[in-house]
Amino acid sequence: MKLEKIHHVAIICSDYEKSKKFYTEVLGLQIVQEVFREERNSYKLDLAIGDHYQVELFSFPESPARPSYPEACGLRHLAFAVQSVEEAVAELKEKGITVEAIRMDELTNKKFVFFADPDGLPIELYEI
């Protein structure tokens, strides 16, 4: 098997409208398609990141809570590449988002920072 690239990342949120606003207005992802699936009582929102990747935002009634901190077993975090961590942090803070202190990757000497989505999903911004 030869994997070509990441096709998408799927996120289940607890408050669809709140998460939709966060991913589109705070992070600036572009809406590709929004569908309400009546048989599942669920929204599916496809969001574009540049020209290559997609985030699928789902709402499901009564989804169970999941531990969501960087050192929990399972998916560790969602990371986005940015040109400037400082500029991204300033923009997030202007939008009222709590952001951790900027750190330095000891192996690459690149800056990175963590913050959380409305459900506490850890999100990383990594400077390229």
Foldseek 3Di string as FASTA:
>chain_A
DDDDDDAEAEDEDADVVQLVCCCCVLVNWAWPDWDQDVVQRKIWTWTDDPPGYIYIYMYGPPDDADDADQVDPDDRAAEDEDQDPVVSVVSNVVVVFDWDDWDADPVPRWIKTWGAGPSRHIYMYTHD
